[in-house]
Amino acid sequence: MPTKSLRILLAAERHEQVLHLEQMLNRLGYFRVAPVHSFEQLLTMVESAIEPFDLLIANSDLARRAGVDLPRFCQGNPEIRHALLYQSAELELPDLSDSQGAINVSLTQLPDIDTLKSFMDAVDSPQDARANGIAKLGLRLNRRRYVGRTTS
């Protein structure tokens, strides 16, 4: 059962993207959302976090312009449990039913409400969502397991 109390960090340079994502998350029942508009702000939020962010949703270009590989940054960062990273183009999703640990996802475009809902289901109640065959949507999710890290 989803808890809807995940701590979510949104990062994109374009205000309308952050606003759109925040509104979709609010419609899905997620209200603990912190928006940032630069990699420097993202870094400040992550470094000063009292508890880890359950999810980072970010435009990869934001970090690339700052000279940072965002997938690698997320993978090695204990303050980010899961990541949904996007750029711009076509989507597709592998079967997550056997995945354990953190989920990292890279999309080629800003996620729509159905994509975001499916991902939130996987992050917020991993066993239920994975058992229901999340791969039916046709999205491309690249997941990485974190050595020595656990997720709830």
Protein backbone atom coordinates (compact mmCIF):
# COMPACT_ATOMS: atom_id res chain seq x y z
CA MET A 1 0.00 0.00 0.00
CA PRO A 2 1.49 3.36 -0.98
CA THR A 3 2.33 5.72 1.86
CA LYS A 4 2.19 8.96 -0.17
CA SER A 5 4.71 10.44 2.29
CA LEU A 6 7.83 10.14 0.16
CA ARG A 7 10.29 13.04 0.20
CA ILE A 8 10.66 14.07 -3.45
CA LEU A 9 13.19 16.47 -4.97
CA LEU A 10 12.36 17.92 -8.41
CA ALA A 11 15.13 19.48 -10.50
CA ALA A 12 14.79 21.22 -13.87
CA GLU A 13 15.91 24.56 -15.23
CA ARG A 14 12.54 25.26 -16.85
CA HIS A 15 10.02 26.42 -14.27
CA GLU A 16 7.10 25.03 -16.28
CA GLN A 17 8.59 21.51 -16.19
CA VAL A 18 9.01 21.62 -12.42
CA LEU A 19 5.51 23.03 -11.99
CA HIS A 20 4.01 20.39 -14.30
CA LEU A 21 5.74 17.54 -12.44
CA GLU A 22 4.75 18.95 -9.05
CA GLN A 23 1.12 19.24 -10.13
CA MET A 24 1.11 15.62 -11.40
CA LEU A 25 2.63 14.41 -8.13
CA ASN A 26 0.03 16.40 -6.17
CA ARG A 27 -2.76 14.77 -8.23
CA LEU A 28 -1.26 11.39 -7.31
CA GLY A 29 -1.33 12.35 -3.62
CA TYR A 30 2.35 13.26 -3.12
CA PHE A 31 2.83 16.64 -1.42
CA ARG A 32 6.32 16.44 0.15
CA VAL A 33 7.93 17.95 -2.94
CA ALA A 34 10.90 20.34 -3.07
CA PRO A 35 11.56 22.04 -6.44
CA VAL A 36 14.98 23.37 -7.53
CA HIS A 37 16.08 25.03 -10.78
CA SER A 38 19.84 24.47 -10.91
CA PHE A 39 22.36 21.76 -10.16
CA GLU A 40 23.88 24.00 -7.49
CA GLN A 41 20.49 24.16 -5.70
CA LEU A 42 20.08 20.39 -6.09
CA LEU A 43 23.53 19.84 -4.59
CA THR A 44 22.77 22.17 -1.67
CA MET A 45 19.50 20.35 -0.92
CA VAL A 46 21.13 16.91 -1.11
CA GLU A 47 24.18 17.87 0.97
CA SER A 48 22.09 19.55 3.67
CA ALA A 49 19.40 16.86 3.86
CA ILE A 50 18.67 15.66 7.38
CA GLU A 51 17.16 12.49 5.95
CA PRO A 52 17.61 11.05 2.43
CA PHE A 53 15.28 12.00 -0.40
CA ASP A 54 13.14 9.04 -1.38
CA LEU A 55 13.08 10.18 -4.99
CA LEU A 56 14.88 12.62 -7.26
CA ILE A 57 13.06 13.52 -10.49
CA ALA A 58 15.45 15.56 -12.63
CA ASN A 59 16.35 16.70 -16.11
CA SER A 60 19.78 15.20 -16.83
CA ASP A 61 20.76 18.24 -18.88
CA LEU A 62 20.67 20.36 -15.72
CA ALA A 63 23.64 18.45 -14.27
CA ARG A 64 25.40 17.92 -17.60
CA ARG A 65 25.71 21.69 -18.04
CA ALA A 66 27.41 21.78 -14.63
CA GLY A 67 29.82 19.03 -15.77
CA VAL A 68 28.20 16.29 -13.66
CA ASP A 69 27.10 12.80 -14.72
CA LEU A 70 23.73 12.74 -12.93
CA PRO A 71 23.15 8.95 -13.09
CA ARG A 72 26.56 8.38 -11.52
CA PHE A 73 25.93 11.13 -8.96
CA CYS A 74 22.66 9.44 -7.92
CA GLN A 75 24.12 5.95 -7.84
CA GLY A 76 26.88 6.93 -5.45
CA ASN A 77 24.80 9.18 -3.23
CA PRO A 78 23.28 7.83 0.00
CA GLU A 79 20.98 10.89 0.21
CA ILE A 80 19.05 9.82 -2.92
CA ARG A 81 17.19 6.51 -2.66
CA HIS A 82 15.63 6.43 -6.16
CA ALA A 83 16.00 8.55 -9.28
CA LEU A 84 13.81 9.28 -12.30
CA LEU A 85 15.92 11.16 -14.83
CA TYR A 86 14.64 12.47 -18.16
CA GLN A 87 15.80 14.25 -21.32
CA SER A 88 13.58 14.33 -24.49
CA ALA A 89 12.21 11.53 -27.05
CA GLU A 90 10.55 7.94 -26.92
CA LEU A 91 9.76 5.62 -23.93
CA GLU A 92 9.93 1.86 -23.07
CA LEU A 93 10.04 -0.17 -19.73
CA PRO A 94 11.61 -3.53 -18.77
CA ASP A 95 10.12 -5.94 -16.25
CA LEU A 96 10.78 -4.77 -12.68
CA SER A 97 9.21 -7.79 -11.01
CA ASP A 98 12.58 -9.24 -9.98
CA SER A 99 14.29 -6.00 -8.99
CA GLN A 100 15.35 -5.37 -5.42
CA GLY A 101 16.87 -2.29 -3.85
CA ALA A 102 16.90 1.18 -5.36
CA ILE A 103 15.40 1.90 -8.75
CA ASN A 104 17.14 4.35 -11.10
CA VAL A 105 15.30 5.30 -14.25
CA SER A 106 16.36 7.31 -17.28
CA LEU A 107 13.66 8.56 -19.63
CA THR A 108 14.17 10.32 -22.90
CA GLN A 109 11.40 12.85 -22.23
CA LEU A 110 9.41 14.50 -19.47
CA PRO A 111 7.18 11.78 -17.97
CA ASP A 112 3.42 11.95 -18.44
CA ILE A 113 0.93 11.25 -15.63
CA ASP A 114 0.59 7.52 -16.46
CA THR A 115 4.37 7.05 -16.55
CA LEU A 116 4.79 8.95 -13.31
CA LYS A 117 1.98 7.00 -11.59
CA SER A 118 3.51 3.65 -12.57
CA PHE A 119 6.94 4.73 -11.38
CA MET A 120 5.54 6.07 -8.09
CA ASP A 121 3.71 2.76 -7.58
CA ALA A 122 7.03 0.93 -8.00
CA VAL A 123 8.92 3.25 -5.65
CA ASP A 124 6.21 3.64 -3.02
CA SER A 125 5.14 -0.02 -2.82
CA PRO A 126 7.77 -1.95 -4.76
CA GLN A 127 6.55 -5.49 -4.25
CA ASP A 128 2.93 -4.81 -5.29
CA ALA A 129 3.79 -2.76 -8.37
CA ARG A 130 6.49 -5.12 -9.58
CA ALA A 131 4.25 -8.14 -9.05
CA ASN A 132 1.56 -6.48 -11.19
CA GLY A 133 3.89 -6.29 -14.20
CA ILE A 134 4.79 -2.63 -14.50
CA ALA A 135 6.39 -3.40 -17.88
CA LYS A 136 3.00 -3.23 -19.59
CA LEU A 137 3.36 0.53 -20.09
CA GLY A 138 6.10 0.54 -22.70
CA LEU A 139 8.58 2.79 -20.87
CA ARG A 140 12.32 2.40 -20.72
CA LEU A 141 13.54 2.12 -17.15
CA ASN A 142 17.21 1.54 -16.43
CA ARG A 143 17.62 0.34 -12.86
CA ARG A 144 20.76 0.01 -10.82
CA ARG A 145 21.20 -1.86 -7.55
CA TYR A 146 23.06 -0.10 -4.79
CA VAL A 147 25.56 -2.19 -2.89
CA GLY A 148 25.13 -1.82 0.85
CA ARG A 149 21.95 0.26 0.59
CA THR A 150 18.49 -0.77 1.56
CA THR A 151 15.15 0.70 0.69
CA SER A 152 11.88 0.49 2.50
